[in-house]
Amino acid sequence: MATLREIRSRITGVKNTQKITRAMKMIAAARLRRAQEAIISARPYARKLGELLRRLVTKTDPALNPLLVAREVKAVLLVVVTGDRGLCGSFNSNLIKAAVHRLQSQEGVGVKLLTIGRKGSEYFVKRNYDIASKHSGIFQALDFQHARSVADEITRGYLGGEFDRVEVIYNEFKSVLQQRVVTEQLLPIPPEEIKPADDLHGLSQVDYIYEPSSEEIVNALIPRHLNFQLWRVLLESNAAAQGAQMTAMDNATENASELIRELTLKFNNARQASITKELLEVVSGAEALTKAG
């Protein structure tokens, strides 16, 4: 049975841990507010840019740009976006499981990984997966230049024939309590099938005159599209990570409170038992002295 000193020491340790988890929750909440504002601002632009590009692609010859041409898939690049830190519940583990499942589903196709985030890099390096590139620590000071450099690296590899399709898997931010693992194709850029129902006003059926040509506009938009789509992915993952960490630290703080209550009750019971034992010893000693006298 634990002594009073040991129980008191455990209570002190849990209280110190609770202070840390409460502080981390507050930090994550502050970061989440900024991250949430950033992704909410970025989503409409990214969505409209993607829609514009895909609609233009349907009106041009895809063969004019190699990033639009679908070819026989012999090699795939999977971009895996995890966090740099733990203490965020199942945020990283769920995404890694989904990435492993995606890798296993690519039968007969060579698959390389491009990892963004330290947790993903560590996992796949230890298990000897084929990693084309690693990017760690970018979420410490997230900047658009990070997305641009990754997009440039992916584009060079695709144009050089290193892989025939590029997919990205990441956590999409839904709410503070919910993230959704999403897999999207980055390259080749898939054209969008335009249907009359897509536009209530029938504008999708209007044939526009483009100046300069639609081909030149598509070629100019493709790099911007890739850069911003990757930037959106990084923002989504960052917001989801902050939400997951805030939730995890909140749960840890509540669990610490419950553990403190249990340990305090245990301490009080042990102290009461110790006092009772001492009283019994005093009474027994007094009775023994009385009988001896």
Protein backbone atom coordinates (compact mmCIF):
# COMPACT_ATOMS: atom_id res chain seq x y z
CA MET A 1 0.00 0.00 0.00
CA ALA A 2 1.31 3.47 -0.94
CA THR A 3 2.46 5.65 1.95
CA LEU A 4 1.06 9.10 2.64
CA ARG A 5 4.26 10.68 1.34
CA GLU A 6 4.03 8.76 -1.94
CA ILE A 7 0.38 9.71 -2.45
CA ARG A 8 1.13 13.37 -1.65
CA SER A 9 4.01 13.28 -4.12
CA ARG A 10 1.75 11.84 -6.84
CA ILE A 11 -0.87 14.54 -6.20
CA THR A 12 1.79 17.23 -6.56
CA GLY A 13 3.07 15.66 -9.78
CA VAL A 14 -0.41 15.44 -11.31
CA LYS A 15 -1.13 19.07 -10.36
CA ASN A 16 2.09 20.18 -12.06
CA THR A 17 1.15 18.19 -15.16
CA GLN A 18 -2.30 19.76 -15.12
CA LYS A 19 -0.75 23.22 -15.13
CA ILE A 20 1.22 22.28 -18.24
CA THR A 21 -1.79 20.80 -20.08
CA ARG A 22 -3.92 23.84 -19.19
CA ALA A 23 -1.22 26.19 -20.51
CA MET A 24 -0.85 24.13 -23.71
CA LYS A 25 -4.62 24.24 -24.20
CA MET A 26 -4.59 28.04 -23.97
CA ILE A 27 -1.69 28.29 -26.41
CA ALA A 28 -3.40 25.93 -28.87
CA ALA A 29 -6.64 27.93 -28.57
CA ALA A 30 -4.83 31.16 -29.45
CA ARG A 31 -3.08 29.52 -32.40
CA LEU A 32 -6.31 27.88 -33.53
CA ARG A 33 -8.06 31.24 -33.74
CA ARG A 34 -5.43 32.57 -36.13
CA ALA A 35 -5.24 29.32 -38.11
CA GLN A 36 -9.03 29.15 -38.42
CA GLU A 37 -9.22 32.71 -39.72
CA ALA A 38 -6.48 31.96 -42.26
CA ILE A 39 -8.13 28.84 -43.70
CA ILE A 40 -11.61 30.40 -43.80
CA SER A 41 -10.13 33.30 -45.79
CA ALA A 42 -8.20 31.00 -48.15
CA ARG A 43 -10.94 28.50 -49.00
CA PRO A 44 -13.13 30.70 -51.26
CA TYR A 45 -10.17 31.85 -53.37
CA ALA A 46 -8.78 28.32 -53.70
CA ARG A 47 -12.21 26.95 -54.64
CA LYS A 48 -12.89 29.60 -57.27
CA LEU A 49 -9.41 29.36 -58.72
CA GLY A 50 -9.79 25.60 -59.08
CA GLU A 51 -13.24 25.95 -60.66
CA LEU A 52 -12.00 28.58 -63.11
CA LEU A 53 -9.02 26.48 -64.16
CA ARG A 54 -11.02 23.28 -64.60
CA ARG A 55 -13.67 25.07 -66.66
CA LEU A 56 -11.01 26.56 -68.90
CA VAL A 57 -9.41 23.15 -69.32
CA THR A 58 -12.65 21.78 -70.79
CA LYS A 59 -12.45 24.43 -73.53
CA THR A 60 -8.78 23.92 -74.44
CA ASP A 61 -6.64 21.10 -75.72
CA PRO A 62 -5.07 19.35 -72.66
CA ALA A 63 -2.13 18.25 -74.79
CA LEU A 64 -0.92 21.88 -74.85
CA ASN A 65 0.24 21.57 -71.23
CA PRO A 66 1.89 18.38 -69.88
CA LEU A 67 0.45 18.99 -66.41
CA LEU A 68 -3.03 18.36 -67.82
CA VAL A 69 -2.26 15.17 -69.71
CA ALA A 70 -3.27 11.90 -68.04
CA ARG A 71 -0.77 9.18 -68.86
CA GLU A 72 -0.28 5.55 -67.97
CA VAL A 73 0.38 5.37 -64.24
CA LYS A 74 3.60 3.53 -63.47
CA ALA A 75 4.73 5.60 -60.50
CA VAL A 76 2.79 7.66 -57.95
CA LEU A 77 3.95 10.38 -55.57
CA LEU A 78 1.94 10.51 -52.34
CA VAL A 79 2.28 13.76 -50.40
CA VAL A 80 1.60 13.00 -46.71
CA VAL A 81 0.93 16.02 -44.49
CA THR A 82 1.24 15.34 -40.75
CA GLY A 83 2.12 17.51 -37.78
CA ASP A 84 5.54 18.29 -36.35
CA ARG A 85 4.47 17.54 -32.78
CA GLY A 86 2.46 15.01 -30.84
CA LEU A 87 0.09 15.58 -27.93
CA CYS A 88 -2.78 16.04 -30.36
CA GLY A 89 -4.81 12.88 -29.91
CA SER A 90 -5.26 10.69 -32.98
CA PHE A 91 -4.48 13.52 -35.43
CA ASN A 92 -1.24 12.00 -36.73
CA SER A 93 -2.03 8.31 -36.21
CA ASN A 94 -5.29 8.42 -38.19
CA LEU A 95 -3.62 10.15 -41.11
CA ILE A 96 -0.65 7.75 -41.11
CA LYS A 97 -3.02 4.77 -41.08
CA ALA A 98 -4.89 6.23 -44.06
CA ALA A 99 -1.60 6.85 -45.89
CA VAL A 100 -0.42 3.27 -45.28
CA HIS A 101 -3.76 1.95 -46.53
CA ARG A 102 -3.43 4.10 -49.64
CA LEU A 103 0.09 2.80 -50.22
CA GLN A 104 -1.05 -0.80 -49.90
CA SER A 105 -3.86 -0.22 -52.41
CA GLN A 106 -1.41 0.80 -55.15
CA GLU A 107 -0.72 -2.69 -56.45
CA GLY A 108 1.70 -2.98 -59.34
CA VAL A 109 2.59 0.71 -59.15
CA GLY A 110 5.77 2.24 -57.77
CA VAL A 111 4.98 4.66 -54.96
CA LYS A 112 7.22 7.37 -53.52
CA LEU A 113 6.48 9.56 -50.54
CA LEU A 114 6.92 13.27 -49.98
CA THR A 115 6.41 13.89 -46.28
CA ILE A 116 5.49 17.23 -44.74
CA GLY A 117 5.71 17.20 -40.95
CA ARG A 118 8.15 15.52 -38.59
CA LYS A 119 5.76 12.80 -37.34
CA GLY A 120 5.14 11.41 -40.81
CA SER A 121 8.82 11.58 -41.71
CA GLU A 122 9.86 9.68 -38.59
CA TYR A 123 7.25 6.97 -39.10
CA PHE A 124 8.03 6.21 -42.74
CA VAL A 125 11.82 6.52 -42.36
CA LYS A 126 11.85 3.92 -39.57
CA ARG A 127 9.92 1.51 -41.77
CA ASN A 128 12.15 1.99 -44.82
CA TYR A 129 9.54 3.40 -47.19
CA ASP A 130 10.73 5.01 -50.43
CA ILE A 131 10.84 8.70 -49.49
CA ALA A 132 11.55 11.16 -52.28
CA SER A 133 11.71 14.21 -50.01
CA LYS A 134 11.12 15.30 -46.41
CA HIS A 135 9.96 18.67 -45.11
CA SER A 136 9.93 19.10 -41.34
CA GLY A 137 9.45 22.12 -39.10
CA ILE A 138 7.55 24.27 -41.60
CA PHE A 139 4.53 24.59 -39.29
CA GLN A 140 6.64 26.46 -36.75
CA ALA A 141 6.60 29.48 -39.06
CA LEU A 142 4.15 28.63 -41.83
CA ASP A 143 4.69 30.73 -44.94
CA PHE A 144 3.42 30.70 -48.53
CA GLN A 145 6.98 30.17 -49.73
CA HIS A 146 6.88 26.67 -48.23
CA ALA A 147 3.92 25.76 -50.43
CA ARG A 148 5.61 27.27 -53.47
CA SER A 149 8.84 25.33 -52.97
CA VAL A 150 6.97 22.03 -52.53
CA ALA A 151 4.84 22.76 -55.61
CA ASP A 152 7.97 23.51 -57.65
CA GLU A 153 9.56 20.25 -56.48
CA ILE A 154 6.45 18.25 -57.40
CA THR A 155 6.16 19.93 -60.80
CA ARG A 156 9.82 19.23 -61.66
CA GLY A 157 9.44 15.57 -60.74
CA TYR A 158 6.23 15.19 -62.73
CA LEU A 159 7.64 16.88 -65.84
CA GLY A 160 10.83 14.81 -65.48
CA GLY A 161 8.83 11.59 -65.57
CA GLU A 162 9.70 10.51 -62.02
CA PHE A 163 5.99 9.87 -61.35
CA ASP A 164 2.79 9.89 -63.38
CA ARG A 165 0.30 10.95 -60.72
CA VAL A 166 0.53 13.09 -57.59
CA GLU A 167 -1.85 12.70 -54.66
CA VAL A 168 -1.96 14.53 -51.36
CA ILE A 169 -3.41 13.17 -48.12
CA TYR A 170 -4.07 15.52 -45.22
CA ASN A 171 -6.42 16.37 -42.36
CA GLU A 172 -9.16 18.77 -43.40
CA PHE A 173 -10.34 21.14 -40.69
CA LYS A 174 -14.07 20.72 -40.01
CA SER A 175 -14.39 22.03 -36.46
CA VAL A 176 -12.46 22.16 -33.20
CA LEU A 177 -13.64 18.63 -32.40
CA GLN A 178 -13.53 17.14 -35.88
CA GLN A 179 -10.94 16.62 -38.61
CA ARG A 180 -11.46 14.60 -41.79
CA VAL A 181 -8.73 12.70 -43.62
CA VAL A 182 -8.88 13.70 -47.29
CA THR A 183 -7.07 12.35 -50.35
CA GLU A 184 -6.93 14.58 -53.44
CA GLN A 185 -5.25 14.34 -56.83
CA LEU A 186 -2.92 17.25 -57.60
CA LEU A 187 -1.43 16.13 -60.92
CA PRO A 188 -2.47 15.72 -63.61
CA ILE A 189 -5.10 18.38 -62.98
CA PRO A 190 -8.44 16.69 -63.66
CA PRO A 191 -10.92 18.59 -65.90
CA GLU A 192 -14.34 19.34 -64.44
CA GLU A 193 -17.45 18.09 -66.19
CA ILE A 194 -19.65 21.16 -66.57
CA LYS A 195 -23.37 20.42 -66.31
CA PRO A 196 -26.27 22.87 -66.79
CA ALA A 197 -27.39 22.21 -63.21
CA ASP A 198 -24.06 23.55 -61.94
CA ASP A 199 -25.15 27.10 -62.70
CA LEU A 200 -28.68 28.21 -61.82
CA HIS A 201 -28.44 31.20 -64.16
CA GLY A 202 -27.12 29.21 -67.10
CA LEU A 203 -23.82 31.11 -67.15
CA SER A 204 -21.86 27.87 -67.50
CA GLN A 205 -23.26 27.56 -71.01
CA VAL A 206 -21.99 30.98 -72.13
CA ASP A 207 -19.13 30.87 -74.62
CA TYR A 208 -16.65 33.59 -73.61
CA ILE A 209 -14.03 35.32 -75.71
CA TYR A 210 -10.69 35.10 -73.89
CA GLU A 211 -7.96 37.72 -74.16
CA PRO A 212 -5.27 36.56 -74.39
CA SER A 213 -6.17 33.05 -75.57
CA SER A 214 -7.65 30.50 -73.19
CA GLU A 215 -4.48 28.40 -73.61
CA GLU A 216 -2.29 31.24 -72.36
CA ILE A 217 -4.61 31.85 -69.41
CA VAL A 218 -4.53 28.14 -68.49
CA ASN A 219 -0.73 28.05 -68.67
CA ALA A 220 -0.55 31.11 -66.42
CA LEU A 221 -3.11 29.78 -63.93
CA ILE A 222 -1.68 26.27 -63.48
CA PRO A 223 1.38 27.30 -61.38
CA ARG A 224 -0.76 29.61 -59.26
CA HIS A 225 -3.34 26.87 -58.83
CA LEU A 226 -0.77 24.32 -57.61
CA ASN A 227 0.88 26.83 -55.29
CA PHE A 228 -2.37 27.90 -53.71
CA GLN A 229 -3.87 24.41 -53.46
CA LEU A 230 -0.81 23.27 -51.51
CA TRP A 231 -1.00 26.42 -49.40
CA ARG A 232 -4.64 25.60 -48.64
CA VAL A 233 -3.66 22.02 -47.69
CA LEU A 234 -1.02 23.33 -45.27
CA LEU A 235 -3.50 25.78 -43.73
CA GLU A 236 -6.12 23.03 -43.38
CA SER A 237 -3.64 20.72 -41.69
CA ASN A 238 -2.35 23.45 -39.39
CA ALA A 239 -5.84 24.44 -38.24
CA ALA A 240 -6.82 20.80 -37.76
CA ALA A 241 -3.67 20.15 -35.72
CA GLN A 242 -4.30 23.11 -33.43
CA GLY A 243 -7.90 22.03 -32.91
CA ALA A 244 -6.83 18.46 -32.16
CA GLN A 245 -4.18 19.62 -29.70
CA MET A 246 -6.59 21.95 -27.92
CA THR A 247 -9.12 19.12 -27.55
CA ALA A 248 -6.45 16.67 -26.38
CA MET A 249 -5.10 19.09 -23.78
CA ASP A 250 -8.61 19.87 -22.56
CA ASN A 251 -9.26 16.15 -22.10
CA ALA A 252 -5.90 15.74 -20.36
CA THR A 253 -6.72 18.60 -17.98
CA GLU A 254 -10.09 17.04 -17.12
CA ASN A 255 -8.48 13.62 -16.61
CA ALA A 256 -5.90 15.20 -14.31
CA SER A 257 -8.68 16.78 -12.23
CA GLU A 258 -10.39 13.40 -11.90
CA LEU A 259 -7.11 11.72 -10.95
CA ILE A 260 -6.43 14.42 -8.34
CA ARG A 261 -9.85 13.80 -6.82
CA GLU A 262 -9.21 10.06 -6.65
CA LEU A 263 -5.74 10.50 -5.15
CA THR A 264 -7.05 13.03 -2.61
CA LEU A 265 -9.72 10.57 -1.50
CA LYS A 266 -7.12 7.84 -1.28
CA PHE A 267 -4.84 10.15 0.72
CA ASN A 268 -7.63 11.04 3.15
CA ASN A 269 -8.55 7.39 3.64
CA ALA A 270 -4.94 6.45 4.24
CA ARG A 271 -4.46 9.32 6.69
CA GLN A 272 -7.65 8.37 8.55
CA ALA A 273 -6.46 4.77 8.74
CA SER A 274 -3.10 5.94 10.05
CA ILE A 275 -4.76 8.11 12.72
CA THR A 276 -7.06 5.26 13.73
CA LYS A 277 -4.10 2.91 13.98
CA GLU A 278 -2.19 5.36 16.17
CA LEU A 279 -5.24 5.82 18.44
CA LEU A 280 -5.60 2.08 18.80
CA GLU A 281 -1.94 1.77 19.70
CA VAL A 282 -2.30 4.53 22.34
CA VAL A 283 -5.42 2.94 23.80
CA SER A 284 -3.83 -0.50 23.81
CA GLY A 285 -0.73 0.87 25.50
CA ALA A 286 -2.82 2.66 28.13
CA GLU A 287 -4.78 -0.51 28.86
CA ALA A 288 -1.60 -2.49 29.15
CA LEU A 289 -0.15 0.02 31.66
CA THR A 290 -3.41 -0.05 33.65
CA LYS A 291 -3.36 -3.82 33.89
CA ALA A 292 0.31 -3.83 34.84
CA GLY A 293 -0.36 -1.27 37.60
